[in-house]
Amino acid sequence: MNPSAMMQVMSAINTFKGTHPKFTSFMEKCIKNGLSEGTVIEVTVTRPGEEPETTNMKVMQSDIELIKALKDIKG
């Protein structure tokens, strides 16, 4: 990834954090406390005027490795 693109991504992440502080704080806390293999993450999306949709995922070792790699990129 070129430096310009990396700066754009970091800017977008900072904007997202400013717009959604509760969500980003929650996710940072979950990741900081560690997501062990077998942890279940559940997400519900509720669009205006529609029924909620929910899905979940069980954390696998490869997911943990991805999170670690992303943390390493962030520094």
N, C-alpha and C. Protein backbone atom coordinates (compact mmCIF):
# COMPACT_ATOMS: atom_id res chain seq x y z
N MET A 1 0.86 -1.17 0.00
CA MET A 1 0.00 0.00 0.00
C MET A 1 0.90 1.24 0.00
N ASN A 2 0.57 2.17 -0.86
CA ASN A 2 1.40 3.37 -0.93
C ASN A 2 1.10 4.31 0.24
N PRO A 3 2.04 5.16 0.60
CA PRO A 3 1.87 6.04 1.75
C PRO A 3 0.65 6.95 1.67
N SER A 4 0.33 7.42 0.48
CA SER A 4 -0.83 8.29 0.31
C SER A 4 -2.12 7.54 0.64
N ALA A 5 -2.23 6.32 0.13
CA ALA A 5 -3.42 5.51 0.41
C ALA A 5 -3.51 5.18 1.89
N MET A 6 -2.36 4.90 2.52
CA MET A 6 -2.34 4.59 3.95
C MET A 6 -2.82 5.79 4.76
N MET A 7 -2.41 6.99 4.36
CA MET A 7 -2.85 8.20 5.05
C MET A 7 -4.36 8.40 4.90
N GLN A 8 -4.90 8.10 3.72
CA GLN A 8 -6.34 8.21 3.50
C GLN A 8 -7.10 7.23 4.37
N VAL A 9 -6.59 6.01 4.49
CA VAL A 9 -7.23 5.00 5.34
C VAL A 9 -7.20 5.45 6.80
N MET A 10 -6.06 5.93 7.26
CA MET A 10 -5.95 6.38 8.64
C MET A 10 -6.88 7.57 8.91
N SER A 11 -7.03 8.46 7.95
CA SER A 11 -7.95 9.58 8.09
C SER A 11 -9.39 9.08 8.19
N ALA A 12 -9.75 8.12 7.36
CA ALA A 12 -11.10 7.56 7.39
C ALA A 12 -11.37 6.86 8.72
N ILE A 13 -10.36 6.15 9.25
CA ILE A 13 -10.51 5.48 10.54
C ILE A 13 -10.72 6.52 11.64
N ASN A 14 -9.96 7.60 11.62
CA ASN A 14 -10.12 8.65 12.62
C ASN A 14 -11.49 9.31 12.53
N THR A 15 -11.99 9.51 11.31
CA THR A 15 -13.33 10.06 11.13
C THR A 15 -14.37 9.10 11.71
N PHE A 16 -14.22 7.81 11.42
CA PHE A 16 -15.15 6.79 11.93
C PHE A 16 -15.15 6.80 13.46
N LYS A 17 -13.96 6.87 14.06
CA LYS A 17 -13.86 6.90 15.53
C LYS A 17 -14.57 8.13 16.10
N GLY A 18 -14.45 9.27 15.43
CA GLY A 18 -15.10 10.48 15.90
C GLY A 18 -16.60 10.43 15.75
N THR A 19 -17.07 9.78 14.72
CA THR A 19 -18.50 9.68 14.44
C THR A 19 -19.18 8.62 15.31
N HIS A 20 -18.45 7.56 15.64
CA HIS A 20 -19.02 6.42 16.37
C HIS A 20 -18.17 6.08 17.61
N PRO A 21 -18.02 7.01 18.55
CA PRO A 21 -17.10 6.78 19.68
C PRO A 21 -17.50 5.60 20.57
N LYS A 22 -18.79 5.38 20.79
CA LYS A 22 -19.20 4.26 21.65
C LYS A 22 -18.85 2.92 21.01
N PHE A 23 -19.09 2.82 19.71
CA PHE A 23 -18.81 1.56 19.01
C PHE A 23 -17.31 1.28 18.98
N THR A 24 -16.53 2.28 18.63
CA THR A 24 -15.08 2.06 18.54
C THR A 24 -14.49 1.79 19.92
N SER A 25 -14.99 2.46 20.95
CA SER A 25 -14.52 2.20 22.31
C SER A 25 -14.84 0.76 22.72
N PHE A 26 -16.04 0.32 22.40
CA PHE A 26 -16.46 -1.05 22.70
C PHE A 26 -15.56 -2.06 22.01
N MET A 27 -15.33 -1.86 20.71
CA MET A 27 -14.49 -2.80 19.96
C MET A 27 -13.05 -2.79 20.46
N GLU A 28 -12.52 -1.60 20.75
CA GLU A 28 -11.15 -1.51 21.26
C GLU A 28 -11.03 -2.24 22.59
N LYS A 29 -12.05 -2.09 23.46
CA LYS A 29 -12.05 -2.79 24.75
C LYS A 29 -12.07 -4.30 24.54
N CYS A 30 -12.92 -4.76 23.64
CA CYS A 30 -13.01 -6.21 23.38
C CYS A 30 -11.69 -6.76 22.88
N ILE A 31 -11.07 -6.05 21.96
CA ILE A 31 -9.80 -6.50 21.38
C ILE A 31 -8.69 -6.42 22.41
N LYS A 32 -8.67 -5.32 23.19
CA LYS A 32 -7.64 -5.16 24.22
C LYS A 32 -7.71 -6.27 25.25
N ASN A 33 -8.92 -6.65 25.64
CA ASN A 33 -9.10 -7.71 26.63
C ASN A 33 -8.84 -9.09 26.04
N GLY A 34 -8.68 -9.15 24.74
CA GLY A 34 -8.34 -10.40 24.07
C GLY A 34 -9.57 -11.13 23.56
N LEU A 35 -9.50 -11.50 22.32
CA LEU A 35 -10.54 -12.33 21.72
C LEU A 35 -9.93 -13.72 21.56
N SER A 36 -10.28 -14.60 22.43
CA SER A 36 -9.72 -15.94 22.37
C SER A 36 -10.50 -16.78 21.36
N GLU A 37 -9.84 -17.79 20.87
CA GLU A 37 -10.48 -18.71 19.93
C GLU A 37 -11.72 -19.29 20.59
N GLY A 38 -12.82 -19.30 19.84
CA GLY A 38 -14.08 -19.80 20.36
C GLY A 38 -15.03 -18.70 20.83
N THR A 39 -14.52 -17.47 20.97
CA THR A 39 -15.37 -16.34 21.32
C THR A 39 -16.39 -16.12 20.20
N VAL A 40 -17.63 -15.81 20.57
CA VAL A 40 -18.67 -15.57 19.57
C VAL A 40 -18.95 -14.07 19.51
N ILE A 41 -18.90 -13.52 18.29
CA ILE A 41 -19.25 -12.12 18.05
C ILE A 41 -20.57 -12.11 17.30
N GLU A 42 -21.53 -11.34 17.82
CA GLU A 42 -22.85 -11.28 17.20
C GLU A 42 -23.14 -9.84 16.81
N VAL A 43 -23.69 -9.66 15.61
CA VAL A 43 -24.00 -8.33 15.09
C VAL A 43 -25.45 -8.32 14.61
N THR A 44 -26.17 -7.25 14.98
CA THR A 44 -27.54 -7.06 14.51
C THR A 44 -27.60 -5.75 13.74
N VAL A 45 -28.20 -5.79 12.56
CA VAL A 45 -28.40 -4.59 11.74
C VAL A 45 -29.91 -4.34 11.66
N THR A 46 -30.32 -3.11 12.04
CA THR A 46 -31.72 -2.75 11.97
C THR A 46 -31.86 -1.54 11.07
N ARG A 47 -32.41 -1.76 9.90
CA ARG A 47 -32.64 -0.66 8.95
C ARG A 47 -34.00 -0.04 9.25
N PRO A 48 -34.15 1.26 9.00
CA PRO A 48 -35.45 1.90 9.24
C PRO A 48 -36.58 1.18 8.50
N GLY A 49 -37.62 0.83 9.23
CA GLY A 49 -38.79 0.20 8.63
C GLY A 49 -38.63 -1.27 8.29
N GLU A 50 -37.52 -1.89 8.67
CA GLU A 50 -37.29 -3.30 8.36
C GLU A 50 -37.05 -4.09 9.63
N GLU A 51 -37.19 -5.38 9.51
CA GLU A 51 -36.91 -6.28 10.63
C GLU A 51 -35.40 -6.37 10.83
N PRO A 52 -34.97 -6.52 12.08
CA PRO A 52 -33.53 -6.67 12.34
C PRO A 52 -32.98 -7.96 11.72
N GLU A 53 -31.74 -7.89 11.29
CA GLU A 53 -31.01 -9.05 10.78
C GLU A 53 -29.82 -9.28 11.70
N THR A 54 -29.64 -10.52 12.14
CA THR A 54 -28.56 -10.85 13.06
C THR A 54 -27.73 -11.99 12.51
N THR A 55 -26.43 -11.88 12.71
CA THR A 55 -25.52 -12.97 12.37
C THR A 55 -24.45 -13.03 13.45
N ASN A 56 -23.69 -14.12 13.44
CA ASN A 56 -22.60 -14.23 14.40
C ASN A 56 -21.46 -15.00 13.77
N MET A 57 -20.33 -14.92 14.45
CA MET A 57 -19.16 -15.68 14.00
C MET A 57 -18.41 -16.16 15.23
N LYS A 58 -17.83 -17.31 15.11
CA LYS A 58 -16.98 -17.83 16.16
C LYS A 58 -15.54 -17.50 15.77
N VAL A 59 -14.81 -16.86 16.68
CA VAL A 59 -13.45 -16.44 16.41
C VAL A 59 -12.54 -17.65 16.24
N MET A 60 -11.77 -17.62 15.16
CA MET A 60 -10.83 -18.69 14.86
C MET A 60 -9.41 -18.14 15.03
N GLN A 61 -8.44 -19.03 15.10
CA GLN A 61 -7.04 -18.62 15.25
C GLN A 61 -6.61 -17.68 14.13
N SER A 62 -7.08 -17.93 12.92
CA SER A 62 -6.71 -17.07 11.80
C SER A 62 -7.25 -15.64 11.99
N ASP A 63 -8.40 -15.50 12.65
CA ASP A 63 -8.95 -14.18 12.94
C ASP A 63 -8.06 -13.44 13.93
N ILE A 64 -7.59 -14.16 14.93
CA ILE A 64 -6.70 -13.58 15.94
C ILE A 64 -5.41 -13.11 15.29
N GLU A 65 -4.89 -13.91 14.36
CA GLU A 65 -3.67 -13.54 13.64
C GLU A 65 -3.88 -12.30 12.79
N LEU A 66 -5.06 -12.18 12.16
CA LEU A 66 -5.38 -10.99 11.37
C LEU A 66 -5.42 -9.75 12.26
N ILE A 67 -6.06 -9.84 13.41
CA ILE A 67 -6.14 -8.70 14.34
C ILE A 67 -4.74 -8.29 14.77
N LYS A 68 -3.89 -9.27 15.07
CA LYS A 68 -2.51 -8.98 15.47
C LYS A 68 -1.77 -8.26 14.33
N ALA A 69 -1.93 -8.74 13.11
CA ALA A 69 -1.28 -8.11 11.96
C ALA A 69 -1.75 -6.67 11.78
N LEU A 70 -3.04 -6.43 11.95
CA LEU A 70 -3.57 -5.08 11.82
C LEU A 70 -3.04 -4.17 12.93
N LYS A 71 -2.92 -4.72 14.14
CA LYS A 71 -2.33 -3.94 15.24
C LYS A 71 -0.89 -3.57 14.92
N ASP A 72 -0.14 -4.51 14.34
CA ASP A 72 1.25 -4.27 14.00
C ASP A 72 1.39 -3.18 12.94
N ILE A 73 0.46 -3.13 11.99
CA ILE A 73 0.47 -2.09 10.97
C ILE A 73 0.23 -0.73 11.61
N LYS A 74 -0.73 -0.70 12.54
CA LYS A 74 -1.09 0.56 13.22
C LYS A 74 0.08 1.08 14.04
N GLY A 75 0.85 0.17 14.61
CA GLY A 75 2.02 0.58 15.37
C GLY A 75 1.82 0.70 16.80
